[in-house]
């Protein structure tokens, strides 16, 4: 093989970076496709025992019923809407449908969710008839709440002077000691504060 042939085969630095980027995107697409297949299988009641989708919002782990979860897409570009509350991040095009995007951490009075390349929008299921989605820091995959231990946090809430939120159904601790809150999207969309996005 001549030096000229080797020069033709050698990739420039931008080409190597582009090749790596394409590889990462392909792996991400494969992961999302596999996750969607498993979610569909769980919704149809197959032998998949994991019936909850685990997500990280800010620093808190949440479990969301697969029947209430819709598309998971890149957070991409959000179009801001003026005169709305800080937790209402704006509108996103999710598979051709305009979807309101909420920062649930801010809605709950916490810190704003840091937006980076691992952030996703978890759209609400079409069955909820509510065109909205949550900004999540990371999708953690499918989880089986049956393998976790239920926690009673009513005393802790009382000490903090907080009322239990009706859309936070339960709290669990997993085998690794991680705390999970079970979030009901169907109850969240019935909350009057959540419905009023205007300032």
N, C-alpha and C. Protein backbone atom coordinates (compact mmCIF):
# COMPACT_ATOMS: atom_id res chain seq x y z
N UNK A 1 0.85 -1.19 0.00
CA UNK A 1 0.00 0.00 0.00
C UNK A 1 0.88 1.24 0.00
N UNK A 2 0.62 2.16 -0.90
CA UNK A 2 1.46 3.34 -1.04
C UNK A 2 1.09 4.38 -0.01
N UNK A 3 1.99 5.38 0.17
CA UNK A 3 1.71 6.48 1.09
C UNK A 3 0.49 7.26 0.66
N UNK A 4 0.31 7.41 -0.67
CA UNK A 4 -0.85 8.14 -1.19
C UNK A 4 -2.16 7.45 -0.79
N UNK A 5 -2.16 6.11 -0.86
CA UNK A 5 -3.36 5.35 -0.48
C UNK A 5 -3.65 5.52 0.99
N UNK A 6 -2.61 5.48 1.82
CA UNK A 6 -2.79 5.68 3.26
C UNK A 6 -3.33 7.06 3.56
N UNK A 7 -2.83 8.07 2.84
CA UNK A 7 -3.32 9.44 3.03
C UNK A 7 -4.80 9.54 2.72
N UNK A 8 -5.24 8.81 1.67
CA UNK A 8 -6.66 8.85 1.31
C UNK A 8 -7.53 8.19 2.37
N UNK A 9 -6.98 7.13 3.01
CA UNK A 9 -7.75 6.39 4.02
C UNK A 9 -7.79 7.11 5.36
N UNK A 10 -6.80 7.97 5.62
CA UNK A 10 -6.73 8.66 6.92
C UNK A 10 -7.87 9.66 7.03
N UNK A 11 -8.47 9.71 8.23
CA UNK A 11 -9.56 10.65 8.49
C UNK A 11 -9.02 11.90 9.15
N UNK A 12 -9.56 13.03 8.78
CA UNK A 12 -9.19 14.27 9.44
C UNK A 12 -9.85 14.31 10.81
N UNK A 13 -9.38 15.20 11.70
CA UNK A 13 -9.96 15.31 13.04
C UNK A 13 -11.46 15.60 13.01
N UNK A 14 -11.93 16.55 12.17
CA UNK A 14 -13.37 16.80 12.11
C UNK A 14 -14.16 15.56 11.66
N UNK A 15 -13.55 14.78 10.71
CA UNK A 15 -14.24 13.58 10.23
C UNK A 15 -14.33 12.53 11.34
N UNK A 16 -13.25 12.40 12.14
CA UNK A 16 -13.27 11.45 13.27
C UNK A 16 -14.34 11.87 14.28
N UNK A 17 -14.39 13.17 14.61
CA UNK A 17 -15.40 13.68 15.56
C UNK A 17 -16.80 13.43 15.03
N UNK A 18 -16.99 13.68 13.72
CA UNK A 18 -18.31 13.46 13.11
C UNK A 18 -18.68 11.98 13.18
N UNK A 19 -17.71 11.11 12.91
CA UNK A 19 -17.96 9.66 12.95
C UNK A 19 -18.36 9.22 14.36
N UNK A 20 -17.66 9.75 15.39
CA UNK A 20 -18.00 9.41 16.77
C UNK A 20 -19.40 9.91 17.12
N UNK A 21 -19.73 11.13 16.67
CA UNK A 21 -21.03 11.72 16.95
C UNK A 21 -22.15 10.89 16.32
N UNK A 22 -21.92 10.45 15.08
CA UNK A 22 -22.91 9.61 14.39
C UNK A 22 -23.10 8.30 15.15
N UNK A 23 -22.00 7.73 15.65
CA UNK A 23 -22.07 6.49 16.43
C UNK A 23 -22.87 6.67 17.71
N UNK A 24 -22.66 7.81 18.42
CA UNK A 24 -23.40 8.08 19.65
C UNK A 24 -24.88 8.23 19.36
N UNK A 25 -25.21 8.95 18.27
CA UNK A 25 -26.63 9.15 17.91
C UNK A 25 -27.28 7.82 17.58
N UNK A 26 -26.54 6.94 16.88
CA UNK A 26 -27.09 5.63 16.52
C UNK A 26 -27.35 4.80 17.78
N UNK A 27 -26.42 4.85 18.75
CA UNK A 27 -26.62 4.10 20.00
C UNK A 27 -27.80 4.66 20.77
N UNK A 28 -27.96 6.00 20.78
CA UNK A 28 -29.08 6.63 21.47
C UNK A 28 -30.39 6.21 20.82
N UNK A 29 -30.43 6.22 19.47
CA UNK A 29 -31.65 5.80 18.77
C UNK A 29 -31.98 4.34 19.10
N UNK A 30 -30.95 3.48 19.11
CA UNK A 30 -31.17 2.07 19.45
C UNK A 30 -31.72 1.91 20.86
N UNK A 31 -31.14 2.66 21.82
CA UNK A 31 -31.60 2.60 23.21
C UNK A 31 -33.05 3.04 23.31
N UNK A 32 -33.38 4.18 22.64
CA UNK A 32 -34.76 4.68 22.69
C UNK A 32 -35.72 3.70 22.03
N UNK A 33 -35.31 3.07 20.92
CA UNK A 33 -36.18 2.10 20.24
C UNK A 33 -36.42 0.89 21.15
N UNK A 34 -35.36 0.39 21.80
CA UNK A 34 -35.51 -0.75 22.70
C UNK A 34 -36.40 -0.40 23.89
N UNK A 35 -36.21 0.82 24.44
CA UNK A 35 -37.01 1.25 25.57
C UNK A 35 -38.48 1.36 25.18
N UNK A 36 -38.75 1.92 24.00
CA UNK A 36 -40.14 2.04 23.53
C UNK A 36 -40.76 0.66 23.33
N UNK A 37 -39.99 -0.29 22.79
CA UNK A 37 -40.50 -1.66 22.60
C UNK A 37 -40.86 -2.28 23.95
N UNK A 38 -39.98 -2.12 24.94
CA UNK A 38 -40.24 -2.68 26.26
C UNK A 38 -41.43 -2.00 26.93
N UNK A 39 -41.56 -0.67 26.73
CA UNK A 39 -42.70 0.05 27.29
C UNK A 39 -44.00 -0.45 26.67
N UNK A 40 -43.99 -0.64 25.34
CA UNK A 40 -45.19 -1.14 24.66
C UNK A 40 -45.54 -2.55 25.14
N UNK A 41 -44.51 -3.38 25.30
CA UNK A 41 -44.75 -4.75 25.78
C UNK A 41 -45.34 -4.74 27.18
N UNK A 42 -44.83 -3.85 28.05
CA UNK A 42 -45.35 -3.76 29.42
C UNK A 42 -46.78 -3.24 29.42
N UNK A 43 -47.08 -2.28 28.55
CA UNK A 43 -48.45 -1.75 28.47
C UNK A 43 -49.43 -2.82 28.02
N UNK A 44 -48.97 -3.72 27.16
CA UNK A 44 -49.84 -4.77 26.65
C UNK A 44 -49.93 -5.95 27.60
N UNK A 45 -49.23 -5.86 28.72
CA UNK A 45 -49.35 -6.89 29.76
C UNK A 45 -48.59 -8.15 29.46
N UNK A 46 -47.48 -8.04 28.75
CA UNK A 46 -46.67 -9.23 28.49
C UNK A 46 -45.92 -9.61 29.77
N UNK A 47 -44.95 -10.48 29.65
CA UNK A 47 -44.26 -11.01 30.83
C UNK A 47 -43.24 -10.04 31.42
N UNK A 48 -43.17 -8.84 30.89
CA UNK A 48 -42.26 -7.85 31.47
C UNK A 48 -42.87 -7.36 32.79
N UNK A 49 -42.17 -7.58 33.90
CA UNK A 49 -42.71 -7.23 35.21
C UNK A 49 -42.51 -5.76 35.55
N UNK A 50 -41.56 -5.12 34.88
CA UNK A 50 -41.31 -3.71 35.16
C UNK A 50 -42.46 -2.88 34.60
N UNK A 51 -43.22 -2.25 35.49
CA UNK A 51 -44.41 -1.53 35.05
C UNK A 51 -44.31 -0.03 35.27
N UNK A 52 -43.13 0.43 35.63
CA UNK A 52 -42.92 1.85 35.90
C UNK A 52 -41.70 2.32 35.11
N UNK A 53 -41.79 3.56 34.64
CA UNK A 53 -40.64 4.18 34.00
C UNK A 53 -39.92 5.03 35.04
N UNK A 54 -38.64 4.79 35.21
CA UNK A 54 -37.84 5.56 36.16
C UNK A 54 -37.22 6.76 35.47
N UNK A 55 -37.40 7.94 36.07
CA UNK A 55 -36.78 9.16 35.54
C UNK A 55 -36.16 9.95 36.68
N UNK A 56 -35.17 10.74 36.33
CA UNK A 56 -34.54 11.64 37.28
C UNK A 56 -34.94 13.05 36.89
N UNK A 57 -35.54 13.79 37.84
CA UNK A 57 -35.87 15.20 37.62
C UNK A 57 -35.14 15.99 38.69
N UNK A 58 -34.16 16.78 38.26
CA UNK A 58 -33.30 17.44 39.24
C UNK A 58 -32.51 16.38 39.97
N UNK A 59 -32.69 16.30 41.28
CA UNK A 59 -31.98 15.28 42.08
C UNK A 59 -32.92 14.20 42.59
N UNK A 60 -34.17 14.23 42.15
CA UNK A 60 -35.17 13.30 42.68
C UNK A 60 -35.53 12.24 41.64
N UNK A 61 -35.64 11.00 42.11
CA UNK A 61 -36.03 9.88 41.25
C UNK A 61 -37.55 9.68 41.32
N UNK A 62 -38.16 9.51 40.14
CA UNK A 62 -39.60 9.31 40.07
C UNK A 62 -39.93 8.05 39.29
N UNK A 63 -41.04 7.43 39.69
CA UNK A 63 -41.60 6.30 38.96
C UNK A 63 -42.90 6.77 38.31
N UNK A 64 -43.05 6.49 37.03
CA UNK A 64 -44.26 6.90 36.31
C UNK A 64 -44.86 5.68 35.64
N UNK A 65 -46.15 5.50 35.86
CA UNK A 65 -46.88 4.37 35.29
C UNK A 65 -46.75 4.41 33.77
N UNK A 66 -46.40 3.27 33.17
CA UNK A 66 -46.21 3.22 31.73
C UNK A 66 -47.46 3.59 30.96
N UNK A 67 -48.64 3.36 31.55
CA UNK A 67 -49.89 3.70 30.85
C UNK A 67 -50.08 5.20 30.75
N UNK A 68 -49.36 5.97 31.59
CA UNK A 68 -49.47 7.43 31.56
C UNK A 68 -48.31 8.10 30.82
N UNK A 69 -47.32 7.30 30.44
CA UNK A 69 -46.13 7.84 29.76
C UNK A 69 -46.30 7.73 28.25
N UNK A 70 -45.89 8.78 27.56
CA UNK A 70 -45.95 8.78 26.10
C UNK A 70 -44.56 8.75 25.51
N UNK A 71 -44.37 9.55 24.47
CA UNK A 71 -43.09 9.64 23.78
C UNK A 71 -41.99 10.19 24.68
N UNK A 72 -40.77 9.75 24.43
CA UNK A 72 -39.60 10.33 25.08
C UNK A 72 -38.74 10.89 23.96
N UNK A 73 -38.54 12.20 23.97
CA UNK A 73 -37.78 12.85 22.89
C UNK A 73 -36.71 13.76 23.47
N UNK A 74 -35.77 14.13 22.63
CA UNK A 74 -34.73 15.07 23.03
C UNK A 74 -35.37 16.40 23.40
N UNK A 75 -34.78 17.08 24.39
CA UNK A 75 -35.37 18.35 24.83
C UNK A 75 -35.25 19.43 23.76
N UNK A 76 -34.26 19.34 22.89
CA UNK A 76 -34.15 20.21 21.73
C UNK A 76 -34.46 21.67 21.98
N UNK A 77 -35.09 22.28 21.00
CA UNK A 77 -35.43 23.70 21.09
C UNK A 77 -36.82 23.88 21.69
N UNK A 78 -36.90 24.76 22.66
CA UNK A 78 -38.18 25.11 23.27
C UNK A 78 -38.52 26.54 22.89
N UNK A 79 -39.76 26.75 22.50
CA UNK A 79 -40.23 28.09 22.20
C UNK A 79 -40.88 28.66 23.44
N UNK A 80 -40.29 29.71 24.00
CA UNK A 80 -40.82 30.30 25.22
C UNK A 80 -42.13 31.02 24.96
N UNK A 81 -42.97 31.01 25.97
CA UNK A 81 -44.27 31.68 25.89
C UNK A 81 -44.25 32.80 26.92
N UNK A 82 -44.47 34.05 26.48
CA UNK A 82 -44.41 35.16 27.44
C UNK A 82 -45.54 35.12 28.45
N UNK A 83 -45.31 35.77 29.59
CA UNK A 83 -46.31 35.93 30.66
C UNK A 83 -46.79 34.60 31.23
N UNK A 84 -45.87 33.65 31.32
CA UNK A 84 -46.19 32.36 31.94
C UNK A 84 -45.32 32.18 33.19
N UNK A 85 -45.70 31.25 34.02
CA UNK A 85 -44.96 30.98 35.26
C UNK A 85 -43.59 30.41 34.93
N UNK A 86 -42.61 30.59 35.83
CA UNK A 86 -41.24 30.15 35.55
C UNK A 86 -41.13 28.65 35.26
N UNK A 87 -42.01 27.83 35.87
CA UNK A 87 -41.93 26.39 35.65
C UNK A 87 -42.49 25.95 34.30
N UNK A 88 -43.18 26.87 33.61
CA UNK A 88 -43.68 26.57 32.27
C UNK A 88 -42.59 26.96 31.29
N UNK A 89 -41.88 25.96 30.75
CA UNK A 89 -40.68 26.24 29.95
C UNK A 89 -41.00 26.65 28.52
N UNK A 90 -42.17 26.31 28.04
CA UNK A 90 -42.53 26.69 26.68
C UNK A 90 -43.12 25.53 25.91
N UNK A 91 -43.05 25.64 24.57
CA UNK A 91 -43.64 24.65 23.67
C UNK A 91 -42.55 23.93 22.90
N UNK A 92 -42.79 22.65 22.67
CA UNK A 92 -41.87 21.84 21.88
C UNK A 92 -42.67 21.06 20.85
N UNK A 93 -42.06 20.80 19.72
CA UNK A 93 -42.70 20.00 18.69
C UNK A 93 -42.35 18.54 18.96
N UNK A 94 -43.33 17.77 19.44
CA UNK A 94 -43.13 16.35 19.73
C UNK A 94 -43.90 15.56 18.68
N UNK A 95 -43.15 15.00 17.73
CA UNK A 95 -43.74 14.20 16.65
C UNK A 95 -44.87 14.95 15.95
N UNK A 96 -44.64 16.24 15.66
CA UNK A 96 -45.61 17.03 14.92
C UNK A 96 -46.72 17.62 15.75
N UNK A 97 -46.66 17.46 17.05
CA UNK A 97 -47.70 18.00 17.93
C UNK A 97 -47.07 19.00 18.91
N UNK A 98 -47.67 20.19 19.02
CA UNK A 98 -47.17 21.18 19.96
C UNK A 98 -47.46 20.72 21.39
N UNK A 99 -46.41 20.65 22.19
CA UNK A 99 -46.51 20.10 23.54
C UNK A 99 -45.96 21.10 24.55
N UNK A 100 -46.74 21.37 25.59
CA UNK A 100 -46.28 22.23 26.69
C UNK A 100 -45.25 21.47 27.51
N UNK A 101 -44.16 22.14 27.85
CA UNK A 101 -43.10 21.48 28.61
C UNK A 101 -42.99 22.14 29.98
N UNK A 102 -43.01 21.29 31.01
CA UNK A 102 -43.02 21.73 32.40
C UNK A 102 -41.73 21.31 33.10
N UNK A 103 -41.17 22.23 33.88
CA UNK A 103 -40.07 21.87 34.78
C UNK A 103 -40.72 21.49 36.11
N UNK A 104 -40.91 20.20 36.33
CA UNK A 104 -41.63 19.73 37.51
C UNK A 104 -40.90 20.10 38.80
N UNK A 105 -39.57 20.12 38.76
CA UNK A 105 -38.80 20.49 39.94
C UNK A 105 -39.15 21.92 40.37
N UNK A 106 -39.21 22.84 39.41
CA UNK A 106 -39.58 24.23 39.70
C UNK A 106 -41.04 24.31 40.16
N UNK A 107 -41.92 23.53 39.53
CA UNK A 107 -43.33 23.51 39.90
C UNK A 107 -43.49 23.13 41.38
N UNK A 108 -42.66 22.21 41.83
CA UNK A 108 -42.70 21.73 43.22
C UNK A 108 -41.98 22.67 44.18
N UNK A 109 -41.42 23.77 43.67
CA UNK A 109 -40.73 24.72 44.54
C UNK A 109 -39.26 24.44 44.70
N UNK A 110 -38.72 23.52 43.91
CA UNK A 110 -37.30 23.19 43.98
C UNK A 110 -36.48 24.02 43.01
N UNK A 111 -35.25 23.57 42.78
CA UNK A 111 -34.35 24.25 41.85
C UNK A 111 -34.74 23.93 40.42
N UNK A 112 -34.37 24.84 39.52
CA UNK A 112 -34.61 24.60 38.10
C UNK A 112 -33.80 23.39 37.64
N UNK A 113 -34.39 22.59 36.77
CA UNK A 113 -33.71 21.42 36.22
C UNK A 113 -32.62 21.89 35.26
N UNK A 114 -31.39 21.46 35.53
CA UNK A 114 -30.26 21.84 34.68
C UNK A 114 -30.42 21.16 33.32
N UNK A 115 -30.40 21.96 32.25
CA UNK A 115 -30.60 21.40 30.92
C UNK A 115 -29.25 21.11 30.27
N UNK A 116 -29.08 19.84 29.89
CA UNK A 116 -27.87 19.43 29.18
C UNK A 116 -28.24 18.35 28.17
N UNK A 117 -27.24 17.69 27.60
CA UNK A 117 -27.49 16.73 26.51
C UNK A 117 -28.24 15.48 26.98
N UNK A 118 -28.25 15.18 28.28
CA UNK A 118 -28.96 14.00 28.75
C UNK A 118 -30.43 14.27 29.06
N UNK A 119 -30.85 15.54 29.01
CA UNK A 119 -32.25 15.89 29.29
C UNK A 119 -33.16 15.37 28.18
N UNK A 120 -34.35 14.99 28.58
CA UNK A 120 -35.37 14.52 27.65
C UNK A 120 -36.70 15.15 28.02
N UNK A 121 -37.64 15.11 27.07
CA UNK A 121 -39.02 15.47 27.36
C UNK A 121 -39.82 14.18 27.39
N UNK A 122 -40.48 13.94 28.51
CA UNK A 122 -41.37 12.80 28.63
C UNK A 122 -42.78 13.31 28.41
N UNK A 123 -43.33 13.03 27.23
CA UNK A 123 -44.69 13.48 26.91
C UNK A 123 -45.71 12.64 27.66
N UNK A 124 -46.83 13.24 27.99
CA UNK A 124 -47.92 12.51 28.64
C UNK A 124 -48.58 11.60 27.60
N UNK A 125 -49.11 10.49 28.04
CA UNK A 125 -49.79 9.55 27.16
C UNK A 125 -51.00 10.22 26.50
N UNK A 126 -51.29 9.81 25.27
CA UNK A 126 -52.47 10.32 24.57
C UNK A 126 -53.75 10.02 25.34
N UNK A 127 -53.74 8.95 26.15
CA UNK A 127 -54.94 8.57 26.91
C UNK A 127 -55.33 9.63 27.93
N UNK A 128 -54.39 10.51 28.31
CA UNK A 128 -54.70 11.56 29.28
C UNK A 128 -55.33 12.78 28.62
N UNK A 129 -55.30 12.81 27.28
CA UNK A 129 -55.87 13.95 26.52
C UNK A 129 -55.35 15.29 27.02
N UNK A 130 -54.04 15.35 27.26
CA UNK A 130 -53.43 16.56 27.80
C UNK A 130 -52.07 16.72 27.12
N UNK A 131 -51.95 17.68 26.21
CA UNK A 131 -50.73 17.87 25.43
C UNK A 131 -49.64 18.53 26.25
N UNK A 132 -48.98 17.73 27.07
CA UNK A 132 -47.94 18.28 27.93
C UNK A 132 -46.84 17.25 28.11
N UNK A 133 -45.73 17.71 28.64
CA UNK A 133 -44.61 16.82 28.91
C UNK A 133 -43.75 17.39 30.03
N UNK A 134 -42.99 16.53 30.67
CA UNK A 134 -42.09 16.94 31.74
C UNK A 134 -40.65 16.94 31.23
N UNK A 135 -39.91 17.97 31.62
CA UNK A 135 -38.47 17.97 31.34
C UNK A 135 -37.82 17.07 32.38
N UNK A 136 -37.15 16.03 31.93
CA UNK A 136 -36.48 15.12 32.86
C UNK A 136 -34.97 15.20 32.64
N UNK A 137 -34.23 15.14 33.74
CA UNK A 137 -32.77 15.22 33.66
C UNK A 137 -32.19 13.99 32.98
N UNK A 138 -32.82 12.84 33.23
CA UNK A 138 -32.30 11.60 32.68
C UNK A 138 -33.40 10.54 32.73
N UNK A 139 -33.46 9.70 31.71
CA UNK A 139 -34.36 8.55 31.72
C UNK A 139 -33.57 7.38 32.29
N UNK A 140 -34.09 6.78 33.35
CA UNK A 140 -33.36 5.73 34.07
C UNK A 140 -33.81 4.32 33.68
N UNK A 141 -34.79 4.22 32.79
CA UNK A 141 -35.23 2.90 32.32
C UNK A 141 -36.41 2.37 33.11
N UNK A 142 -36.76 1.12 32.79
CA UNK A 142 -37.93 0.50 33.42
C UNK A 142 -37.59 -0.02 34.82
N UNK A 143 -38.56 0.09 35.72
CA UNK A 143 -38.39 -0.34 37.11
C UNK A 143 -39.62 -1.13 37.54
N UNK A 144 -39.40 -2.03 38.48
CA UNK A 144 -40.49 -2.82 39.04
C UNK A 144 -40.68 -2.40 40.50
N UNK A 145 -41.75 -1.66 40.76
CA UNK A 145 -42.00 -1.16 42.12
C UNK A 145 -42.27 -2.30 43.10
N UNK A 146 -42.69 -3.46 42.59
CA UNK A 146 -42.98 -4.60 43.47
C UNK A 146 -41.73 -5.09 44.19
N UNK A 147 -40.56 -4.79 43.64
CA UNK A 147 -39.31 -5.25 44.27
C UNK A 147 -38.76 -4.22 45.25
N UNK A 148 -39.48 -3.10 45.41
CA UNK A 148 -39.02 -2.04 46.31
C UNK A 148 -39.84 -2.04 47.59
N UNK A 149 -39.30 -1.41 48.62
CA UNK A 149 -39.98 -1.34 49.91
C UNK A 149 -40.72 -0.01 50.03
N UNK A 150 -41.99 -0.09 50.41
CA UNK A 150 -42.83 1.09 50.57
C UNK A 150 -42.38 1.88 51.80
N UNK A 151 -42.34 3.21 51.69
CA UNK A 151 -41.94 4.09 52.79
C UNK A 151 -43.13 4.94 53.21
N UNK A 152 -43.32 5.09 54.50
CA UNK A 152 -44.35 6.01 55.01
C UNK A 152 -43.65 7.31 55.42
N UNK A 153 -43.88 8.37 54.64
CA UNK A 153 -43.21 9.64 54.92
C UNK A 153 -44.17 10.68 55.50
N UNK A 154 -45.33 10.26 56.01
CA UNK A 154 -46.32 11.20 56.52
C UNK A 154 -45.79 11.99 57.73
N UNK A 155 -45.04 11.34 58.62
CA UNK A 155 -44.48 12.03 59.79
C UNK A 155 -43.46 13.08 59.36
N UNK A 156 -42.63 12.74 58.39
CA UNK A 156 -41.62 13.67 57.89
C UNK A 156 -42.29 14.91 57.27
N UNK A 157 -43.35 14.69 56.50
CA UNK A 157 -44.08 15.81 55.90
C UNK A 157 -44.71 16.68 56.98
N UNK A 158 -45.28 16.05 58.01
CA UNK A 158 -45.92 16.80 59.10
C UNK A 158 -44.90 17.66 59.83
N UNK A 159 -43.70 17.11 60.07
CA UNK A 159 -42.65 17.86 60.74
C UNK A 159 -42.22 19.08 59.92
N UNK A 160 -42.25 18.94 58.60
CA UNK A 160 -41.86 20.04 57.71
C UNK A 160 -43.02 20.99 57.45
N UNK A 161 -44.20 20.65 57.98
CA UNK A 161 -45.38 21.49 57.77
C UNK A 161 -45.90 21.44 56.35
N UNK A 162 -45.63 20.34 55.66
CA UNK A 162 -46.06 20.19 54.26
C UNK A 162 -47.22 19.20 54.18
N UNK A 163 -48.11 19.47 53.24
CA UNK A 163 -49.21 18.54 52.99
C UNK A 163 -48.78 17.57 51.90
N UNK A 164 -49.28 16.35 51.97
CA UNK A 164 -48.97 15.36 50.94
C UNK A 164 -49.62 15.79 49.63
N UNK A 165 -48.89 15.68 48.54
CA UNK A 165 -49.43 16.02 47.22
C UNK A 165 -50.23 14.82 46.72
N UNK A 166 -51.46 15.04 46.25
CA UNK A 166 -52.28 13.90 45.82
C UNK A 166 -51.70 13.15 44.63
N UNK A 167 -50.86 13.82 43.82
CA UNK A 167 -50.30 13.16 42.64
C UNK A 167 -49.02 12.39 42.96
N UNK A 168 -48.50 12.52 44.18
CA UNK A 168 -47.37 11.67 44.60
C UNK A 168 -47.98 10.53 45.42
N UNK A 169 -48.14 9.40 44.76
CA UNK A 169 -48.91 8.29 45.34
C UNK A 169 -48.17 7.59 46.48
N UNK A 170 -46.93 7.25 46.26
CA UNK A 170 -46.16 6.49 47.23
C UNK A 170 -44.69 6.87 47.13
N UNK A 171 -43.96 6.47 48.17
CA UNK A 171 -42.50 6.56 48.13
C UNK A 171 -41.95 5.17 48.39
N UNK A 172 -40.88 4.85 47.68
CA UNK A 172 -40.25 3.54 47.81
C UNK A 172 -38.75 3.70 48.01
N UNK A 173 -38.14 2.65 48.55
CA UNK A 173 -36.69 2.57 48.61
C UNK A 173 -36.28 1.27 47.91
N UNK A 174 -35.30 1.35 47.02
CA UNK A 174 -34.89 0.15 46.29
C UNK A 174 -33.74 -0.56 47.02
N UNK A 175 -33.27 -1.64 46.43
CA UNK A 175 -32.23 -2.46 47.06
C UNK A 175 -30.92 -1.71 47.21
N UNK A 176 -30.72 -0.66 46.42
CA UNK A 176 -29.50 0.14 46.50
C UNK A 176 -29.63 1.32 47.46
N UNK A 177 -30.78 1.43 48.12
CA UNK A 177 -30.99 2.53 49.06
C UNK A 177 -31.46 3.82 48.40
N UNK A 178 -31.83 3.76 47.12
CA UNK A 178 -32.31 4.95 46.41
C UNK A 178 -33.80 5.15 46.69
N UNK A 179 -34.19 6.42 46.91
CA UNK A 179 -35.59 6.75 47.18
C UNK A 179 -36.28 7.10 45.86
N UNK A 180 -37.47 6.58 45.66
CA UNK A 180 -38.27 6.82 44.46
C UNK A 180 -39.64 7.34 44.88
N UNK A 181 -40.13 8.36 44.18
CA UNK A 181 -41.48 8.87 44.39
C UNK A 181 -42.34 8.45 43.21
N UNK A 182 -43.51 7.89 43.50
CA UNK A 182 -44.41 7.44 42.43
C UNK A 182 -45.31 8.61 42.04
N UNK A 183 -45.14 9.07 40.81
CA UNK A 183 -45.81 10.27 40.32
C UNK A 183 -46.96 9.89 39.39
N UNK A 184 -48.17 10.36 39.73
CA UNK A 184 -49.34 10.10 38.89
C UNK A 184 -49.59 11.31 37.99
N UNK A 185 -49.38 11.13 36.69
CA UNK A 185 -49.62 12.23 35.75
C UNK A 185 -51.11 12.52 35.60
N UNK A 186 -51.93 11.48 35.72
CA UNK A 186 -53.38 11.68 35.58
C UNK A 186 -53.93 12.53 36.72
N UNK A 187 -53.36 12.44 37.92
CA UNK A 187 -53.79 13.29 39.03
C UNK A 187 -53.15 14.67 38.94
N UNK A 188 -51.94 14.73 38.42
CA UNK A 188 -51.25 16.02 38.28
C UNK A 188 -52.03 16.95 37.35
N UNK A 189 -52.57 16.41 36.26
CA UNK A 189 -53.27 17.27 35.29
C UNK A 189 -54.64 17.73 35.80
N UNK A 190 -55.05 17.25 36.97
CA UNK A 190 -56.30 17.73 37.57
C UNK A 190 -56.06 18.85 38.58
N UNK A 191 -54.79 19.14 38.86
CA UNK A 191 -54.47 20.18 39.84
C UNK A 191 -54.65 21.56 39.23
N UNK A 192 -55.38 22.43 39.92
CA UNK A 192 -55.69 23.76 39.39
C UNK A 192 -54.44 24.61 39.20
N UNK A 193 -53.48 24.50 40.11
CA UNK A 193 -52.25 25.29 39.96
C UNK A 193 -51.50 24.86 38.72
N UNK A 194 -51.46 23.56 38.46
CA UNK A 194 -50.77 23.02 37.29
C UNK A 194 -51.45 23.49 36.00
N UNK A 195 -52.76 23.65 36.04
CA UNK A 195 -53.52 24.06 34.86
C UNK A 195 -53.39 25.54 34.54
N UNK A 196 -53.05 26.36 35.53
CA UNK A 196 -52.95 27.80 35.32
C UNK A 196 -51.50 28.22 35.16
N UNK A 197 -51.11 28.36 33.90
CA UNK A 197 -49.70 28.64 33.60
C UNK A 197 -49.40 30.13 33.54
N UNK A 198 -50.44 30.97 33.48
CA UNK A 198 -50.24 32.41 33.35
C UNK A 198 -49.77 33.04 34.64
N UNK A 199 -48.99 34.11 34.52
CA UNK A 199 -48.49 34.82 35.71
C UNK A 199 -49.60 35.62 36.37
